[in-house]
């Protein structure tokens, strides 16, 4: 009888061990990763401060954030190294940042707010103008060089990486030799102004898509539009 009970107990223990082995093992670091998925995003619009730059091509990053803020009834607050507005959408928090450091020191503001708000690199989106794209053309990329852009150049330097998402807004290269600076810091012409509102609407949707649908889906949906 004792032998039978011992045999039964041994068999039951083997079955329990087998069931335990069939369960997927979750390591502690995996648990932490699951818990730490961030729903906070830093959206950086590049530009130069000052009334003389408000409507210039180089300030399209500011323009996009201003458009979204006005559309959603948000207000920008003066903070360290810039102005900031908080936008909540579908359970996500978007921090809309306009650095006040001037273009060639943009990285300082990006790094400060990234660290302060504990935002991972993959949740950063930088909006910038691009001479190599025709007016209004959109190109979203997960990484890349600065392409000669002083704002991106400084961000790459300060963050010590190129592995962050950038949203390039085409301003075209319709300028004569030697007039690049005047063109970039010049205001939109009448034809561009007529088309700008529709482009800014699309840009606003890109920001929301980046946080809710993810980078890959956003690139598929909007690149080339």
N, C-alpha and C. Protein backbone atom coordinates (compact mmCIF):
# COMPACT_ATOMS: atom_id res chain seq x y z
N UNK A 1 0.84 -1.21 0.00
CA UNK A 1 0.00 0.00 0.00
C UNK A 1 0.87 1.26 0.00
N UNK A 2 1.90 1.24 0.84
CA UNK A 2 2.81 2.38 0.92
C UNK A 2 3.51 2.58 -0.40
N UNK A 3 3.90 1.45 -1.02
CA UNK A 3 4.57 1.53 -2.33
C UNK A 3 3.65 2.15 -3.36
N UNK A 4 2.37 1.80 -3.32
CA UNK A 4 1.39 2.32 -4.29
C UNK A 4 1.22 3.83 -4.13
N UNK A 5 1.14 4.30 -2.88
CA UNK A 5 0.98 5.73 -2.61
C UNK A 5 2.21 6.50 -3.06
N UNK A 6 3.39 5.93 -2.80
CA UNK A 6 4.65 6.57 -3.21
C UNK A 6 4.71 6.70 -4.72
N UNK A 7 4.27 5.63 -5.40
CA UNK A 7 4.28 5.63 -6.87
C UNK A 7 3.32 6.68 -7.42
N UNK A 8 2.13 6.79 -6.78
CA UNK A 8 1.12 7.75 -7.22
C UNK A 8 1.64 9.18 -7.02
N UNK A 9 2.25 9.46 -5.88
CA UNK A 9 2.80 10.79 -5.58
C UNK A 9 3.89 11.16 -6.58
N UNK A 10 4.73 10.21 -6.89
CA UNK A 10 5.83 10.43 -7.84
C UNK A 10 5.30 10.76 -9.22
N UNK A 11 4.22 10.04 -9.63
CA UNK A 11 3.62 10.27 -10.95
C UNK A 11 2.99 11.65 -11.02
N UNK A 12 2.29 12.05 -9.95
CA UNK A 12 1.65 13.37 -9.91
C UNK A 12 2.68 14.49 -9.98
N UNK A 13 3.78 14.32 -9.26
CA UNK A 13 4.85 15.32 -9.24
C UNK A 13 5.46 15.48 -10.62
N UNK A 14 5.61 14.36 -11.35
CA UNK A 14 6.16 14.42 -12.71
C UNK A 14 5.25 15.20 -13.63
N UNK A 15 3.92 14.99 -13.48
CA UNK A 15 2.95 15.70 -14.32
C UNK A 15 3.01 17.20 -14.05
N UNK A 16 3.14 17.59 -12.75
CA UNK A 16 3.22 19.00 -12.40
C UNK A 16 4.47 19.63 -12.97
N UNK A 17 5.58 18.89 -12.90
CA UNK A 17 6.84 19.38 -13.44
C UNK A 17 6.76 19.57 -14.94
N UNK A 18 6.05 18.64 -15.60
CA UNK A 18 5.89 18.73 -17.06
C UNK A 18 5.08 19.96 -17.43
N UNK A 19 3.99 20.21 -16.68
CA UNK A 19 3.17 21.38 -16.94
C UNK A 19 3.95 22.66 -16.73
N UNK A 20 4.77 22.68 -15.67
CA UNK A 20 5.59 23.87 -15.39
C UNK A 20 6.57 24.12 -16.52
N UNK A 21 7.14 23.05 -17.06
CA UNK A 21 8.12 23.19 -18.14
C UNK A 21 7.49 23.70 -19.42
N UNK A 22 6.17 23.44 -19.58
CA UNK A 22 5.47 23.87 -20.78
C UNK A 22 5.14 25.36 -20.74
N UNK A 23 5.15 25.96 -19.56
CA UNK A 23 4.84 27.37 -19.43
C UNK A 23 6.00 28.21 -19.93
N UNK A 24 5.74 29.26 -20.74
CA UNK A 24 6.84 30.12 -21.21
C UNK A 24 7.51 30.83 -20.04
N UNK A 25 8.82 30.79 -20.04
CA UNK A 25 9.57 31.42 -18.97
C UNK A 25 9.69 32.92 -19.24
N UNK A 26 9.34 33.72 -18.26
CA UNK A 26 9.45 35.17 -18.37
C UNK A 26 10.53 35.64 -17.41
N UNK A 27 11.62 36.10 -17.94
CA UNK A 27 12.71 36.58 -17.11
C UNK A 27 12.36 37.94 -16.52
N UNK A 28 13.05 38.29 -15.46
CA UNK A 28 12.77 39.54 -14.76
C UNK A 28 12.94 40.75 -15.67
N UNK A 29 14.00 40.72 -16.52
CA UNK A 29 14.22 41.87 -17.39
C UNK A 29 13.13 42.01 -18.44
N UNK A 30 12.51 40.85 -18.82
CA UNK A 30 11.40 40.91 -19.77
C UNK A 30 10.19 41.56 -19.12
N UNK A 31 9.95 41.23 -17.84
CA UNK A 31 8.85 41.85 -17.11
C UNK A 31 9.03 43.36 -17.04
N UNK A 32 10.25 43.75 -16.75
CA UNK A 32 10.54 45.18 -16.65
C UNK A 32 10.33 45.88 -17.98
N UNK A 33 10.73 45.22 -19.08
CA UNK A 33 10.54 45.82 -20.40
C UNK A 33 9.08 46.00 -20.73
N UNK A 34 8.27 44.99 -20.36
CA UNK A 34 6.83 45.07 -20.64
C UNK A 34 6.23 46.25 -19.88
N UNK A 35 6.65 46.41 -18.61
CA UNK A 35 6.11 47.48 -17.79
C UNK A 35 6.57 48.85 -18.24
N UNK A 36 7.76 48.90 -18.85
CA UNK A 36 8.36 50.20 -19.13
C UNK A 36 8.07 50.75 -20.53
N UNK A 37 7.16 50.10 -21.27
CA UNK A 37 6.81 50.62 -22.59
C UNK A 37 6.23 52.01 -22.42
N UNK A 38 6.88 52.99 -23.02
CA UNK A 38 6.50 54.38 -22.81
C UNK A 38 5.41 54.84 -23.77
N UNK A 39 4.45 55.57 -23.24
CA UNK A 39 3.40 56.16 -24.06
C UNK A 39 3.57 57.67 -24.13
N UNK A 40 4.79 58.12 -23.89
CA UNK A 40 5.11 59.53 -23.93
C UNK A 40 6.06 59.79 -25.10
N UNK A 41 5.77 60.84 -25.87
CA UNK A 41 6.53 61.13 -27.09
C UNK A 41 7.02 62.57 -27.08
N UNK A 42 8.24 62.76 -27.56
CA UNK A 42 8.80 64.10 -27.69
C UNK A 42 8.82 64.47 -29.16
N UNK A 43 8.01 65.46 -29.52
CA UNK A 43 7.91 65.92 -30.91
C UNK A 43 8.61 67.27 -31.00
N UNK A 44 9.72 67.30 -31.71
CA UNK A 44 10.56 68.50 -31.77
C UNK A 44 10.42 69.18 -33.13
N UNK A 45 9.97 70.40 -33.12
CA UNK A 45 9.91 71.18 -34.35
C UNK A 45 11.10 72.11 -34.38
N UNK A 46 11.91 72.03 -35.44
CA UNK A 46 13.09 72.87 -35.52
C UNK A 46 12.78 74.23 -36.16
N UNK A 47 13.43 75.25 -35.64
CA UNK A 47 13.23 76.59 -36.17
C UNK A 47 14.10 77.59 -35.44
N UNK A 48 13.97 78.85 -35.80
CA UNK A 48 14.69 79.93 -35.13
C UNK A 48 13.68 80.84 -34.43
N UNK A 49 14.05 81.32 -33.25
CA UNK A 49 13.14 82.21 -32.52
C UNK A 49 13.23 83.62 -33.08
N UNK A 50 12.17 84.39 -32.87
CA UNK A 50 12.14 85.77 -33.34
C UNK A 50 11.06 85.98 -34.39
N UNK A 51 10.38 87.12 -34.32
CA UNK A 51 9.28 87.42 -35.22
C UNK A 51 9.70 87.40 -36.69
N UNK A 52 10.96 87.76 -36.96
CA UNK A 52 11.43 87.82 -38.35
C UNK A 52 11.55 86.45 -39.01
N UNK A 53 11.48 85.38 -38.19
CA UNK A 53 11.63 84.03 -38.74
C UNK A 53 10.32 83.24 -38.81
N UNK A 54 9.26 83.80 -38.24
CA UNK A 54 8.01 83.05 -38.08
C UNK A 54 7.52 82.39 -39.37
N UNK A 55 7.50 83.12 -40.45
CA UNK A 55 6.94 82.59 -41.71
C UNK A 55 8.00 82.19 -42.73
N UNK A 56 9.18 81.87 -42.24
CA UNK A 56 10.25 81.47 -43.17
C UNK A 56 10.23 79.97 -43.40
N UNK A 57 10.81 79.56 -44.50
CA UNK A 57 10.85 78.14 -44.87
C UNK A 57 11.60 77.31 -43.83
N UNK A 58 12.65 77.88 -43.27
CA UNK A 58 13.49 77.16 -42.31
C UNK A 58 12.74 76.85 -41.02
N UNK A 59 11.61 77.54 -40.79
CA UNK A 59 10.86 77.38 -39.55
C UNK A 59 9.67 76.45 -39.67
N UNK A 60 9.68 75.57 -40.65
CA UNK A 60 8.53 74.70 -40.86
C UNK A 60 8.27 73.81 -39.64
N UNK A 61 9.33 73.46 -38.90
CA UNK A 61 9.13 72.65 -37.69
C UNK A 61 8.27 73.37 -36.67
N UNK A 62 8.56 74.64 -36.44
CA UNK A 62 7.73 75.46 -35.55
C UNK A 62 6.31 75.57 -36.11
N UNK A 63 6.22 75.77 -37.41
CA UNK A 63 4.93 75.98 -38.07
C UNK A 63 4.00 74.79 -37.88
N UNK A 64 4.55 73.60 -38.02
CA UNK A 64 3.76 72.38 -37.85
C UNK A 64 3.22 72.28 -36.43
N UNK A 65 4.07 72.52 -35.45
CA UNK A 65 3.62 72.43 -34.05
C UNK A 65 2.63 73.52 -33.70
N UNK A 66 2.84 74.72 -34.23
CA UNK A 66 1.89 75.81 -34.00
C UNK A 66 0.52 75.48 -34.58
N UNK A 67 0.54 74.86 -35.75
CA UNK A 67 -0.72 74.49 -36.41
C UNK A 67 -1.48 73.46 -35.59
N UNK A 68 -0.79 72.42 -35.13
CA UNK A 68 -1.43 71.38 -34.32
C UNK A 68 -1.94 71.96 -33.01
N UNK A 69 -1.14 72.81 -32.38
CA UNK A 69 -1.55 73.41 -31.09
C UNK A 69 -2.81 74.25 -31.26
N UNK A 70 -2.86 75.05 -32.31
CA UNK A 70 -4.03 75.89 -32.55
C UNK A 70 -5.26 75.04 -32.84
N UNK A 71 -5.07 74.00 -33.62
CA UNK A 71 -6.17 73.10 -34.00
C UNK A 71 -6.76 72.40 -32.77
N UNK A 72 -5.91 72.03 -31.82
CA UNK A 72 -6.35 71.28 -30.65
C UNK A 72 -6.56 72.16 -29.42
N UNK A 73 -6.42 73.48 -29.59
CA UNK A 73 -6.64 74.39 -28.48
C UNK A 73 -5.59 74.31 -27.39
N UNK A 74 -4.35 74.08 -27.78
CA UNK A 74 -3.25 73.96 -26.83
C UNK A 74 -2.50 75.28 -26.70
N UNK A 75 -1.84 75.46 -25.57
CA UNK A 75 -1.02 76.66 -25.35
C UNK A 75 0.42 76.26 -25.08
N UNK A 76 1.35 77.02 -25.64
CA UNK A 76 2.76 76.79 -25.38
C UNK A 76 3.17 77.55 -24.13
N UNK A 77 3.98 76.90 -23.32
CA UNK A 77 4.50 77.50 -22.10
C UNK A 77 6.01 77.66 -22.24
N UNK A 78 6.51 78.80 -21.81
CA UNK A 78 7.96 79.01 -21.84
C UNK A 78 8.61 78.15 -20.77
N UNK A 79 9.54 77.31 -21.18
CA UNK A 79 10.22 76.39 -20.28
C UNK A 79 11.72 76.50 -20.53
N UNK A 80 12.48 75.70 -19.83
CA UNK A 80 13.92 75.71 -20.03
C UNK A 80 14.26 75.27 -21.45
N UNK A 81 15.01 76.07 -22.14
CA UNK A 81 15.53 75.79 -23.49
C UNK A 81 14.45 75.75 -24.58
N UNK A 82 13.27 76.29 -24.30
CA UNK A 82 12.27 76.32 -25.35
C UNK A 82 10.87 76.66 -24.88
N UNK A 83 9.89 76.36 -25.72
CA UNK A 83 8.48 76.45 -25.33
C UNK A 83 7.87 75.08 -25.55
N UNK A 84 6.92 74.74 -24.69
CA UNK A 84 6.39 73.38 -24.66
C UNK A 84 4.88 73.38 -24.54
N UNK A 85 4.24 72.47 -25.29
CA UNK A 85 2.80 72.26 -25.16
C UNK A 85 2.58 70.75 -25.00
N UNK A 86 1.60 70.38 -24.18
CA UNK A 86 1.31 68.97 -23.95
C UNK A 86 0.01 68.59 -24.64
N UNK A 87 0.06 67.56 -25.45
CA UNK A 87 -1.10 67.12 -26.22
C UNK A 87 -1.40 65.66 -25.87
N UNK A 88 -2.60 65.39 -25.40
CA UNK A 88 -3.00 64.02 -25.07
C UNK A 88 -3.95 63.49 -26.13
N UNK A 89 -3.64 62.28 -26.63
CA UNK A 89 -4.45 61.71 -27.71
C UNK A 89 -4.38 60.18 -27.64
N UNK A 90 -5.54 59.56 -27.50
CA UNK A 90 -5.66 58.10 -27.47
C UNK A 90 -4.70 57.43 -26.49
N UNK A 91 -4.65 57.98 -25.29
CA UNK A 91 -3.83 57.38 -24.24
C UNK A 91 -2.36 57.71 -24.33
N UNK A 92 -1.98 58.51 -25.32
CA UNK A 92 -0.58 58.93 -25.46
C UNK A 92 -0.43 60.39 -25.05
N UNK A 93 0.78 60.72 -24.62
CA UNK A 93 1.11 62.10 -24.31
C UNK A 93 2.20 62.57 -25.26
N UNK A 94 1.91 63.63 -25.99
CA UNK A 94 2.86 64.20 -26.94
C UNK A 94 3.36 65.53 -26.37
N UNK A 95 4.66 65.63 -26.16
CA UNK A 95 5.26 66.88 -25.73
C UNK A 95 5.77 67.60 -26.96
N UNK A 96 5.15 68.72 -27.29
CA UNK A 96 5.50 69.48 -28.49
C UNK A 96 6.52 70.54 -28.10
N UNK A 97 7.74 70.37 -28.58
CA UNK A 97 8.84 71.23 -28.16
C UNK A 97 9.36 72.09 -29.30
N UNK A 98 9.44 73.40 -29.04
CA UNK A 98 10.09 74.34 -29.95
C UNK A 98 11.32 74.90 -29.24
N UNK A 99 12.51 74.42 -29.57
CA UNK A 99 13.72 74.91 -28.89
C UNK A 99 13.91 76.41 -29.11
N UNK A 100 14.41 77.10 -28.08
CA UNK A 100 14.68 78.53 -28.23
C UNK A 100 16.19 78.79 -28.29
N UNK A 101 16.92 77.78 -28.67
CA UNK A 101 18.39 77.84 -28.67
C UNK A 101 18.97 78.29 -30.01
N UNK A 102 18.10 78.58 -30.98
CA UNK A 102 18.49 78.77 -32.37
C UNK A 102 18.86 77.41 -32.97
N UNK A 103 18.75 77.35 -34.27
CA UNK A 103 18.84 76.09 -34.99
C UNK A 103 20.10 75.29 -34.67
N UNK A 104 21.26 75.95 -34.69
CA UNK A 104 22.51 75.19 -34.59
C UNK A 104 22.85 74.71 -33.19
N UNK A 105 21.94 74.92 -32.22
CA UNK A 105 22.13 74.38 -30.87
C UNK A 105 20.90 73.57 -30.43
N UNK A 106 20.13 73.10 -31.38
CA UNK A 106 18.87 72.40 -31.08
C UNK A 106 19.06 71.17 -30.21
N UNK A 107 20.20 70.50 -30.35
CA UNK A 107 20.44 69.27 -29.62
C UNK A 107 20.40 69.43 -28.11
N UNK A 108 20.79 70.59 -27.63
CA UNK A 108 20.80 70.86 -26.19
C UNK A 108 19.39 70.74 -25.61
N UNK A 109 18.41 71.31 -26.30
CA UNK A 109 17.02 71.25 -25.84
C UNK A 109 16.46 69.84 -25.95
N UNK A 110 16.76 69.17 -27.04
CA UNK A 110 16.27 67.80 -27.25
C UNK A 110 16.77 66.89 -26.13
N UNK A 111 18.06 66.96 -25.85
CA UNK A 111 18.66 66.10 -24.82
C UNK A 111 18.09 66.41 -23.44
N UNK A 112 17.94 67.69 -23.13
CA UNK A 112 17.42 68.06 -21.81
C UNK A 112 16.03 67.49 -21.58
N UNK A 113 15.11 67.68 -22.53
CA UNK A 113 13.73 67.23 -22.34
C UNK A 113 13.58 65.72 -22.49
N UNK A 114 14.42 65.13 -23.29
CA UNK A 114 14.43 63.68 -23.41
C UNK A 114 14.79 63.05 -22.05
N UNK A 115 15.82 63.59 -21.40
CA UNK A 115 16.25 63.06 -20.10
C UNK A 115 15.26 63.42 -19.00
N UNK A 116 14.80 64.66 -19.00
CA UNK A 116 13.89 65.12 -17.94
C UNK A 116 12.59 64.31 -17.91
N UNK A 117 12.05 64.01 -19.09
CA UNK A 117 10.78 63.29 -19.18
C UNK A 117 10.96 61.79 -19.37
N UNK A 118 12.21 61.34 -19.34
CA UNK A 118 12.52 59.91 -19.48
C UNK A 118 11.90 59.31 -20.74
N UNK A 119 12.12 59.98 -21.86
CA UNK A 119 11.55 59.55 -23.13
C UNK A 119 12.59 58.76 -23.92
N UNK A 120 12.27 57.53 -24.33
CA UNK A 120 13.24 56.72 -25.08
C UNK A 120 13.49 57.29 -26.47
N UNK A 121 14.65 56.98 -27.01
CA UNK A 121 15.07 57.50 -28.30
C UNK A 121 14.06 57.20 -29.40
N UNK A 122 13.45 55.99 -29.33
CA UNK A 122 12.50 55.60 -30.38
C UNK A 122 11.20 56.38 -30.33
N UNK A 123 10.98 57.17 -29.28
CA UNK A 123 9.77 57.97 -29.15
C UNK A 123 10.01 59.44 -29.46
N UNK A 124 11.11 59.72 -30.13
CA UNK A 124 11.43 61.10 -30.52
C UNK A 124 11.20 61.28 -32.01
N UNK A 125 10.53 62.36 -32.36
CA UNK A 125 10.30 62.73 -33.76
C UNK A 125 10.76 64.17 -33.96
N UNK A 126 11.68 64.37 -34.89
CA UNK A 126 12.21 65.70 -35.17
C UNK A 126 11.70 66.18 -36.53
N UNK A 127 11.07 67.34 -36.56
CA UNK A 127 10.49 67.89 -37.78
C UNK A 127 11.40 68.98 -38.33
N UNK A 128 11.78 68.83 -39.60
CA UNK A 128 12.74 69.76 -40.19
C UNK A 128 12.45 70.03 -41.66
N UNK A 129 12.99 71.12 -42.17
CA UNK A 129 12.86 71.44 -43.60
C UNK A 129 13.90 70.67 -44.39
N UNK A 130 13.64 70.47 -45.68
CA UNK A 130 14.58 69.74 -46.53
C UNK A 130 14.60 70.34 -47.93
N UNK A 131 15.78 70.83 -48.31
CA UNK A 131 15.96 71.44 -49.64
C UNK A 131 15.91 70.42 -50.76
N UNK A 132 16.19 69.17 -50.45
CA UNK A 132 16.28 68.14 -51.49
C UNK A 132 14.93 67.54 -51.87
N UNK A 133 13.87 67.99 -51.22
CA UNK A 133 12.53 67.51 -51.53
C UNK A 133 11.70 68.66 -52.09
N UNK A 134 10.86 68.37 -53.05
CA UNK A 134 10.00 69.40 -53.62
C UNK A 134 9.02 69.90 -52.56
N UNK A 135 8.50 71.09 -52.76
CA UNK A 135 7.65 71.72 -51.76
C UNK A 135 6.53 70.79 -51.28
N UNK A 136 6.43 70.66 -49.96
CA UNK A 136 5.35 69.89 -49.36
C UNK A 136 5.53 68.39 -49.36
N UNK A 137 6.57 67.89 -50.02
CA UNK A 137 6.81 66.45 -50.03
C UNK A 137 7.25 65.99 -48.64
N UNK A 138 6.75 64.84 -48.24
CA UNK A 138 7.01 64.33 -46.90
C UNK A 138 7.91 63.10 -46.96
N UNK A 139 8.90 63.07 -46.08
CA UNK A 139 9.76 61.90 -45.99
C UNK A 139 10.05 61.62 -44.51
N UNK A 140 9.58 60.47 -44.03
CA UNK A 140 9.80 60.07 -42.64
C UNK A 140 10.82 58.93 -42.65
N UNK A 141 11.87 59.08 -41.85
CA UNK A 141 12.94 58.08 -41.82
C UNK A 141 13.32 57.78 -40.37
N UNK A 142 13.66 56.51 -40.09
CA UNK A 142 14.01 56.13 -38.71
C UNK A 142 15.41 56.55 -38.30
N UNK A 143 16.23 56.98 -39.24
CA UNK A 143 17.60 57.39 -38.94
C UNK A 143 18.17 58.08 -40.18
N UNK A 144 19.42 58.54 -40.09
CA UNK A 144 20.03 59.15 -41.26
C UNK A 144 21.03 60.23 -40.89
N UNK A 145 21.73 60.70 -41.90
CA UNK A 145 22.72 61.75 -41.68
C UNK A 145 22.02 63.10 -41.53
N UNK A 146 22.80 64.13 -41.25
CA UNK A 146 22.19 65.45 -41.09
C UNK A 146 21.84 66.11 -42.41
N UNK A 147 22.42 65.61 -43.51
CA UNK A 147 22.11 66.17 -44.83
C UNK A 147 22.48 67.63 -44.97
N UNK A 148 23.43 68.08 -44.16
CA UNK A 148 23.83 69.49 -44.22
C UNK A 148 22.96 70.42 -43.40
N UNK A 149 22.00 69.86 -42.67
CA UNK A 149 21.10 70.68 -41.86
C UNK A 149 21.73 70.93 -40.50
N UNK A 150 21.91 72.19 -40.13
CA UNK A 150 22.59 72.52 -38.87
C UNK A 150 21.87 72.05 -37.62
N UNK A 151 20.54 72.03 -37.67
CA UNK A 151 19.78 71.55 -36.52
C UNK A 151 20.01 70.07 -36.29
N UNK A 152 19.89 69.28 -37.34
CA UNK A 152 20.11 67.84 -37.24
C UNK A 152 21.57 67.55 -36.88
N UNK A 153 22.46 68.33 -37.43
CA UNK A 153 23.90 68.14 -37.16
C UNK A 153 24.17 68.25 -35.66
N UNK A 154 23.57 69.25 -35.02
CA UNK A 154 23.80 69.44 -33.59
C UNK A 154 23.11 68.37 -32.76
N UNK A 155 21.92 67.95 -33.18
CA UNK A 155 21.22 66.88 -32.46
C UNK A 155 22.03 65.60 -32.52
N UNK A 156 22.55 65.26 -33.71
CA UNK A 156 23.40 64.07 -33.87
C UNK A 156 24.60 64.13 -32.93
N UNK A 157 25.18 65.31 -32.84
CA UNK A 157 26.38 65.50 -32.02
C UNK A 157 26.07 65.35 -30.53
N UNK A 158 25.02 66.01 -30.07
CA UNK A 158 24.67 65.99 -28.65
C UNK A 158 24.16 64.62 -28.20
N UNK A 159 23.32 64.00 -29.03
CA UNK A 159 22.79 62.68 -28.67
C UNK A 159 23.79 61.56 -28.96
N UNK A 160 24.81 61.90 -29.75
CA UNK A 160 25.84 60.93 -30.15
C UNK A 160 25.23 59.75 -30.91
N UNK A 161 24.23 60.04 -31.72
CA UNK A 161 23.59 59.00 -32.53
C UNK A 161 22.78 59.65 -33.64
N UNK A 162 22.53 58.85 -34.68
CA UNK A 162 21.63 59.27 -35.76
C UNK A 162 20.36 58.43 -35.74
N UNK A 163 20.23 57.61 -34.72
CA UNK A 163 19.14 56.65 -34.63
C UNK A 163 17.89 57.25 -33.97
N UNK A 164 17.35 58.27 -34.57
CA UNK A 164 16.09 58.83 -34.10
C UNK A 164 15.28 59.22 -35.34
N UNK A 165 13.97 59.24 -35.20
CA UNK A 165 13.10 59.48 -36.34
C UNK A 165 13.05 60.95 -36.71
N UNK A 166 13.19 61.20 -38.01
CA UNK A 166 13.06 62.58 -38.48
C UNK A 166 11.98 62.66 -39.55
N UNK A 167 11.23 63.73 -39.50
CA UNK A 167 10.14 64.02 -40.44
C UNK A 167 10.61 65.20 -41.27
N UNK A 168 10.98 64.93 -42.50
CA UNK A 168 11.50 65.97 -43.40
C UNK A 168 10.36 66.53 -44.24
N UNK A 169 10.25 67.84 -44.25
CA UNK A 169 9.21 68.55 -45.01
C UNK A 169 9.91 69.29 -46.14
N UNK A 170 9.58 68.95 -47.37
CA UNK A 170 10.24 69.54 -48.52
C UNK A 170 9.95 71.02 -48.71
N UNK A 171 11.01 71.80 -48.93
CA UNK A 171 10.83 73.23 -49.23
C UNK A 171 11.38 73.55 -50.63
N UNK A 172 11.88 72.52 -51.33
CA UNK A 172 12.44 72.60 -52.68
C UNK A 172 13.75 73.40 -52.70
N UNK A 173 14.34 73.48 -53.86
CA UNK A 173 15.63 74.18 -53.98
C UNK A 173 15.59 75.19 -55.13
N UNK A 174 14.48 75.93 -55.19
CA UNK A 174 14.28 76.89 -56.28
C UNK A 174 14.97 78.24 -56.00
N UNK A 175 16.28 78.18 -55.93
CA UNK A 175 17.04 79.41 -55.71
C UNK A 175 18.26 79.41 -56.62
N UNK A 176 18.76 80.58 -56.90
CA UNK A 176 19.93 80.71 -57.76
C UNK A 176 21.20 80.46 -56.96
N UNK A 177 22.26 80.17 -57.65
CA UNK A 177 23.54 79.87 -57.01
C UNK A 177 23.95 81.01 -56.07
N UNK A 178 24.35 80.63 -54.86
CA UNK A 178 24.79 81.62 -53.88
C UNK A 178 23.67 82.24 -53.09
N UNK A 179 22.42 81.83 -53.34
CA UNK A 179 21.28 82.45 -52.65
C UNK A 179 20.56 81.48 -51.71
N UNK A 180 21.23 80.41 -51.35
CA UNK A 180 20.59 79.40 -50.51
C UNK A 180 20.13 79.96 -49.16
N UNK A 181 21.00 80.71 -48.50
CA UNK A 181 20.65 81.24 -47.18
C UNK A 181 19.44 82.17 -47.26
N UNK A 182 19.43 83.05 -48.26
CA UNK A 182 18.29 83.97 -48.43
C UNK A 182 17.01 83.21 -48.72
N UNK A 183 17.12 82.13 -49.47
CA UNK A 183 15.95 81.33 -49.82
C UNK A 183 15.40 80.61 -48.58
N UNK A 184 16.28 79.94 -47.85
CA UNK A 184 15.87 79.19 -46.68
C UNK A 184 15.28 80.11 -45.61
N UNK A 185 15.89 81.26 -45.44
CA UNK A 185 15.40 82.21 -44.43
C UNK A 185 14.38 83.19 -45.00
N UNK A 186 13.97 82.92 -46.24
CA UNK A 186 12.95 83.75 -46.87
C UNK A 186 11.55 83.22 -46.57
N UNK A 187 10.53 84.02 -46.83
CA UNK A 187 9.15 83.62 -46.56
C UNK A 187 8.57 82.85 -47.74
N UNK A 188 7.52 82.09 -47.47
CA UNK A 188 6.84 81.32 -48.50
C UNK A 188 6.28 82.25 -49.57
N UNK A 189 6.35 81.79 -50.82
CA UNK A 189 5.73 82.61 -51.87
C UNK A 189 4.23 82.36 -51.88
N UNK A 190 3.49 83.09 -52.71
CA UNK A 190 2.03 83.02 -52.69
C UNK A 190 1.50 81.63 -53.06
N UNK A 191 2.14 80.98 -54.01
CA UNK A 191 1.71 79.63 -54.41
C UNK A 191 1.91 78.64 -53.26
N UNK A 192 3.02 78.76 -52.57
CA UNK A 192 3.30 77.87 -51.43
C UNK A 192 2.31 78.13 -50.30
N UNK A 193 2.02 79.39 -50.05
CA UNK A 193 1.07 79.73 -48.98
C UNK A 193 -0.30 79.12 -49.24
N UNK A 194 -0.70 79.11 -50.50
CA UNK A 194 -2.02 78.57 -50.87
C UNK A 194 -2.12 77.07 -50.59
N UNK A 195 -1.00 76.39 -50.65
CA UNK A 195 -0.98 74.93 -50.46
C UNK A 195 -0.57 74.53 -49.04
N UNK A 196 -0.08 75.45 -48.26
CA UNK A 196 0.52 75.13 -46.98
C UNK A 196 -0.46 74.56 -45.96
N UNK A 197 -1.66 75.10 -45.89
CA UNK A 197 -2.62 74.63 -44.90
C UNK A 197 -2.91 73.14 -45.03
N UNK A 198 -3.11 72.70 -46.27
CA UNK A 198 -3.38 71.27 -46.50
C UNK A 198 -2.19 70.42 -46.08
N UNK A 199 -0.98 70.91 -46.34
CA UNK A 199 0.23 70.18 -45.95
C UNK A 199 0.39 70.12 -44.43
N UNK A 200 -0.01 71.19 -43.76
CA UNK A 200 0.07 71.23 -42.30
C UNK A 200 -0.95 70.28 -41.68
N UNK A 201 -2.08 70.13 -42.31
CA UNK A 201 -3.09 69.16 -41.85
C UNK A 201 -2.50 67.74 -41.88
N UNK A 202 -1.84 67.42 -42.99
CA UNK A 202 -1.21 66.10 -43.13
C UNK A 202 -0.13 65.93 -42.07
N UNK A 203 0.66 66.96 -41.87
CA UNK A 203 1.74 66.91 -40.88
C UNK A 203 1.20 66.62 -39.48
N UNK A 204 0.05 67.21 -39.14
CA UNK A 204 -0.57 66.96 -37.84
C UNK A 204 -0.97 65.51 -37.69
N UNK A 205 -1.49 64.92 -38.76
CA UNK A 205 -1.89 63.52 -38.73
C UNK A 205 -0.68 62.61 -38.57
N UNK A 206 0.44 63.01 -39.14
CA UNK A 206 1.67 62.22 -39.03
C UNK A 206 2.12 62.14 -37.57
N UNK A 207 2.05 63.24 -36.86
CA UNK A 207 2.44 63.25 -35.46
C UNK A 207 1.58 62.27 -34.66
N UNK A 208 0.27 62.32 -34.86
CA UNK A 208 -0.64 61.43 -34.14
C UNK A 208 -0.41 59.98 -34.52
N UNK A 209 -0.17 59.74 -35.80
CA UNK A 209 0.07 58.38 -36.28
C UNK A 209 1.36 57.80 -35.70
N UNK A 210 2.38 58.63 -35.59
CA UNK A 210 3.67 58.18 -35.05
C UNK A 210 3.50 57.59 -33.65
N UNK A 211 2.66 58.21 -32.84
CA UNK A 211 2.46 57.73 -31.48
C UNK A 211 1.44 56.62 -31.35
N UNK A 212 0.50 56.51 -32.27
CA UNK A 212 -0.58 55.53 -32.13
C UNK A 212 -0.45 54.33 -33.06
N UNK A 213 0.00 54.57 -34.30
CA UNK A 213 0.10 53.48 -35.27
C UNK A 213 1.53 52.93 -35.39
N UNK A 214 2.50 53.70 -34.89
CA UNK A 214 3.89 53.24 -34.96
C UNK A 214 4.62 53.78 -36.18
N UNK A 215 5.93 53.71 -36.13
CA UNK A 215 6.77 54.27 -37.18
C UNK A 215 6.56 53.61 -38.54
N UNK A 216 6.59 52.28 -38.58
CA UNK A 216 6.49 51.58 -39.86
C UNK A 216 5.19 51.90 -40.59
N UNK A 217 4.08 51.85 -39.85
CA UNK A 217 2.78 52.15 -40.45
C UNK A 217 2.70 53.61 -40.90
N UNK A 218 3.31 54.48 -40.12
CA UNK A 218 3.29 55.90 -40.47
C UNK A 218 4.08 56.15 -41.75
N UNK A 219 5.24 55.52 -41.88
CA UNK A 219 6.03 55.67 -43.10
C UNK A 219 5.27 55.14 -44.31
N UNK A 220 4.64 53.99 -44.16
CA UNK A 220 3.89 53.38 -45.26
C UNK A 220 2.73 54.28 -45.70
N UNK A 221 2.05 54.87 -44.72
CA UNK A 221 0.87 55.69 -45.01
C UNK A 221 1.21 57.06 -45.61
N UNK A 222 2.27 57.69 -45.11
CA UNK A 222 2.49 59.09 -45.45
C UNK A 222 3.68 59.40 -46.33
N UNK A 223 4.68 58.55 -46.39
CA UNK A 223 5.86 58.87 -47.20
C UNK A 223 5.48 59.08 -48.67
N UNK A 224 5.93 60.19 -49.23
CA UNK A 224 5.65 60.49 -50.64
C UNK A 224 4.37 61.24 -50.85
N UNK A 225 3.57 61.43 -49.81
CA UNK A 225 2.31 62.15 -49.96
C UNK A 225 2.50 63.65 -49.84
